[in-house]
Protein backbone atom coordinates (compact mmCIF):
# COMPACT_ATOMS: atom_id res chain seq x y z
CA MET A 1 14.16 26.41 23.21
CA PHE A 2 13.67 22.65 22.97
CA LYS A 3 15.66 21.01 20.18
CA PRO A 4 14.45 17.54 19.07
CA GLU A 5 16.94 14.71 18.76
CA ILE A 6 17.40 14.23 15.02
CA ASN A 7 18.05 10.77 13.59
CA PHE A 8 19.05 10.98 9.93
CA GLU A 9 19.60 7.21 9.80
CA VAL A 10 15.86 6.55 9.99
CA PRO A 11 14.30 6.39 6.50
CA LEU A 12 11.34 8.65 5.82
CA VAL A 13 8.03 6.91 5.03
CA PRO A 14 5.98 9.52 3.12
CA ILE A 15 2.46 8.19 2.57
CA VAL A 16 0.74 11.56 2.19
CA GLY A 17 3.85 13.65 1.50
CA ASP A 18 7.49 14.33 2.38
CA ASN A 19 6.51 17.54 4.18
CA PHE A 20 4.71 15.50 6.86
CA CYS A 21 7.77 13.41 7.73
CA PHE A 22 10.57 14.45 10.07
CA PRO A 23 13.75 12.71 11.28
CA TYR A 24 12.75 13.24 14.90
CA LEU A 25 9.93 12.42 17.31
CA VAL A 26 6.77 14.51 16.76
CA ASN A 27 4.21 15.01 19.55
CA LEU A 28 0.77 16.22 18.55
CA ASN A 29 -2.53 16.98 20.25
CA VAL A 30 -5.79 16.31 18.45
CA LYS A 31 -9.01 17.96 19.58
CA LYS A 32 -12.36 16.87 18.20
CA LYS A 33 -15.52 18.87 18.79
CA ILE A 34 -19.09 18.52 17.58
CA LEU A 35 -20.46 21.91 16.51
CA GLY A 36 -24.19 22.22 16.92
CA ILE A 37 -25.89 18.97 15.97
CA SER A 38 -24.45 18.32 12.54
CA HIS A 39 -20.79 19.26 12.08
CA ILE A 40 -17.49 17.86 13.36
CA ASN A 41 -14.35 19.97 13.74
CA ILE A 42 -10.91 18.44 14.33
CA ASP A 43 -7.82 20.50 15.16
CA VAL A 44 -4.30 19.04 15.10
CA LEU A 45 -1.80 21.03 17.17
CA ASP A 46 1.91 20.71 17.77
CA ASP A 47 3.35 20.69 21.28
CA ILE A 48 3.34 24.50 21.50
CA GLY A 49 -0.23 24.89 20.26
CA ILE A 50 0.30 25.78 16.60
CA SER A 51 -2.38 24.38 14.28
CA LEU A 52 -0.92 22.00 11.68
CA LEU A 53 -4.00 20.30 10.25
CA GLN A 54 -7.77 20.64 10.44
CA GLY A 55 -10.50 18.10 9.83
CA ASN A 56 -14.20 18.51 9.20
CA GLY A 57 -17.33 16.66 8.18
CA LYS A 58 -20.96 16.05 9.00
CA VAL A 59 -22.03 13.93 11.96
CA TRP A 60 -24.89 12.24 10.12
CA HIS A 61 -24.93 10.90 6.58
CA LEU A 62 -27.75 9.11 4.77
CA ARG A 63 -25.25 7.09 2.76
CA LYS A 64 -21.46 7.25 3.14
CA LYS A 65 -19.55 9.35 5.65
CA LYS A 66 -16.85 11.71 4.40
CA ARG A 67 -14.12 13.55 6.29
CA ILE A 68 -11.78 16.19 4.85
CA ILE A 69 -8.31 16.94 6.25
CA CYS A 70 -7.01 20.40 5.36
CA ASP A 71 -3.90 22.46 5.95
CA PRO A 72 -4.16 25.60 8.16
CA ALA A 73 -5.12 27.66 5.09
CA GLY A 74 -8.11 25.40 4.47
CA LEU A 75 -6.73 23.62 1.40
CA PRO A 76 -7.71 19.92 1.25
CA ILE A 77 -4.91 17.43 1.82
CA LEU A 78 -6.90 14.21 2.19
CA THR A 79 -10.45 13.01 1.63
CA LEU A 80 -11.61 10.07 3.77
CA ARG A 81 -14.65 8.23 2.43
CA GLU A 82 -16.55 5.39 4.05
CA LYS A 83 -17.51 2.46 1.85
CA SER A 84 -21.20 1.63 2.12
CA LEU A 85 -22.41 -1.84 3.15
CA SER A 86 -19.00 -3.11 4.26
CA TRP A 87 -18.63 -5.87 6.85
CA HIS A 88 -15.11 -4.63 7.56
CA ASN A 89 -16.09 -0.94 7.97
CA THR A 90 -13.87 -0.04 5.03
CA TRP A 91 -12.66 3.52 4.41
CA LYS A 92 -10.78 4.80 1.37
CA VAL A 93 -8.38 7.74 1.54
CA TYR A 94 -7.78 9.97 -1.47
CA ARG A 95 -5.35 12.74 -2.26
CA ALA A 96 -6.60 16.33 -1.73
CA GLY A 97 -10.32 16.77 -2.41
CA SER A 98 -10.57 14.01 -4.97
CA LEU A 99 -12.66 10.82 -5.00
CA ASP A 100 -11.11 9.59 -8.25
CA ARG A 101 -9.68 6.07 -8.13
CA ASN A 102 -6.44 7.39 -9.63
CA ASP A 103 -5.99 9.53 -6.53
CA LEU A 104 -6.55 6.69 -4.05
CA LEU A 105 -3.67 6.54 -1.55
CA TYR A 106 -4.72 3.75 0.81
CA THR A 107 -7.59 1.70 2.19
CA VAL A 108 -8.30 1.18 5.90
CA LYS A 109 -10.55 -1.55 7.27
CA ARG A 110 -11.16 -3.70 10.30
CA SER A 111 -8.89 -6.75 10.40
CA SER A 112 -11.93 -8.95 10.93
CA PRO A 113 -15.70 -8.31 10.88
CA ILE A 114 -15.97 -9.84 14.36
CA GLN A 115 -13.39 -8.60 16.87
CA MET A 116 -12.61 -8.92 20.53
CA LYS A 117 -9.86 -6.31 20.27
CA MET A 118 -9.90 -3.21 18.07
CA GLN A 119 -7.60 -3.72 15.07
CA LEU A 120 -7.30 -2.18 11.62
CA ASP A 121 -5.35 -3.08 8.49
CA VAL A 122 -4.05 -0.48 6.04
CA PHE A 123 -3.39 -1.30 2.39
CA LEU A 124 -1.57 1.13 0.12
CA ALA A 125 -3.03 1.66 -3.35
CA SER A 126 0.11 0.07 -4.79
CA ASN A 127 -0.62 -3.16 -2.87
CA ILE A 128 -2.45 -4.88 -5.74
CA SER A 129 -2.83 -8.33 -4.20
CA GLY A 130 -4.12 -7.05 -0.85
CA GLU A 131 -3.03 -10.28 0.82
CA ILE A 132 -0.72 -8.70 3.41
CA CYS A 133 -1.40 -5.28 4.89
CA ASP A 134 1.22 -2.52 4.70
CA PHE A 135 0.41 -1.17 8.18
CA HIS A 136 -1.40 -2.69 11.14
CA VAL A 137 -3.23 -0.84 13.91
CA LYS A 138 -3.51 -2.50 17.32
CA GLY A 139 -6.03 -1.00 19.68
CA ALA A 140 -7.04 -1.46 23.28
CA TYR A 141 -10.04 -3.29 24.73
CA THR A 142 -11.66 -0.41 26.58
CA ASN A 143 -10.66 2.91 24.98
CA GLN A 144 -9.51 4.48 21.73
CA SER A 145 -5.77 4.32 22.35
CA PHE A 146 -3.81 2.38 19.72
CA LYS A 147 -0.43 1.72 18.11
CA VAL A 148 0.51 1.72 14.43
CA HIS A 149 3.04 -0.77 13.10
CA LYS A 150 4.80 -1.14 9.77
CA GLY A 151 5.73 -4.80 9.88
CA ASP A 152 7.35 -5.29 13.29
CA THR A 153 8.30 -1.60 13.60
CA LEU A 154 6.25 0.72 15.82
CA ILE A 155 5.81 4.03 13.97
CA ALA A 156 3.19 5.83 16.08
CA GLU A 157 1.16 5.71 19.28
CA VAL A 158 -2.16 7.39 20.02
CA LYS A 159 -3.53 7.85 23.52
CA GLU A 160 -7.06 8.92 24.31
CA ARG A 161 -7.29 11.62 26.97
CA PHE A 162 -10.67 10.86 28.46
CA LYS A 163 -12.48 13.49 30.51
CA LEU A 164 -16.07 12.81 31.51
CA GLY A 165 -17.15 16.43 31.26
CA SER A 166 -15.63 16.86 27.80
CA PHE A 167 -17.36 13.74 26.48
CA PHE A 168 -20.81 15.04 27.38
CA LYS A 169 -19.95 18.35 25.72
CA GLY A 170 -19.15 16.59 22.44
CA LYS A 171 -15.39 16.92 22.86
CA GLU A 172 -12.64 14.30 22.53
CA ASN A 173 -8.89 14.71 22.97
CA PHE A 174 -5.98 12.57 21.85
CA GLU A 175 -2.19 12.63 22.16
CA LEU A 176 -0.14 11.44 19.19
CA ARG A 177 3.45 10.31 19.32
CA VAL A 178 4.80 9.96 15.79
CA TYR A 179 8.20 8.32 15.62
CA PRO A 180 11.05 9.57 13.38
CA GLY A 181 10.41 9.09 9.67
CA ALA A 182 6.66 8.43 9.95
CA ASP A 183 4.08 10.57 8.13
CA TYR A 184 2.03 12.46 10.73
CA ALA A 185 -0.79 13.34 8.30
CA PHE A 186 -1.17 9.62 7.63
CA ILE A 187 -1.37 8.91 11.36
CA VAL A 188 -3.98 11.64 11.85
CA SER A 189 -6.13 10.09 9.12
CA ILE A 190 -5.86 6.70 10.84
CA LEU A 191 -7.00 8.30 14.10
CA ILE A 192 -10.04 9.90 12.43
CA ILE A 193 -11.07 6.59 10.83
CA TYR A 194 -10.41 4.65 14.05
CA ASN A 195 -12.59 7.11 15.94
CA GLU A 196 -15.38 6.77 13.35
CA ILE A 197 -15.34 2.97 13.53
CA TYR A 198 -14.81 2.43 17.24
CA GLY A 199 -15.91 5.71 18.77
CA GLU A 200 -19.28 4.35 19.80
CA SER A 201 -18.07 0.82 20.61
């Protein structure tokens, strides 16, 4: 059985929770599928195919989009809510199923309203000034692959696995590489928001 290389010298960075952080490299597969014409299902699997997280939401919204990330038992872990009428395509992420401002964990938005390259900034709720982002997401020019940095430190990479047939069937697949100490539930939420903002770009 494969044993990951553990690095206890790397500090854990729990944004969603300690139980989503490990002192070793975590590889995940994310599968997104549109069910019928109205619902989205997202499944997050480890490298042996065990479901770790699930996401869901409606494809179309008259006002603000909302995505829910749940554990395998269906209990909400995060609620992702789009801010209406935002030049920066702002999303707010709340703990569990809440939309209360006291449960706000972080805000994600485009680095600039006009972009040549896909980039997002992430601000923790504790970042009162909002002058400098806590995390920065650097994307590609032509697909939905991106990297997540905390300062100058790379904490995760996401690669889009594009298959023409899957796209026309309403399916998308991604590979996540979450580096030791990083919160994989946090990275999954960034992927979902990134896909919502840039998925049709």
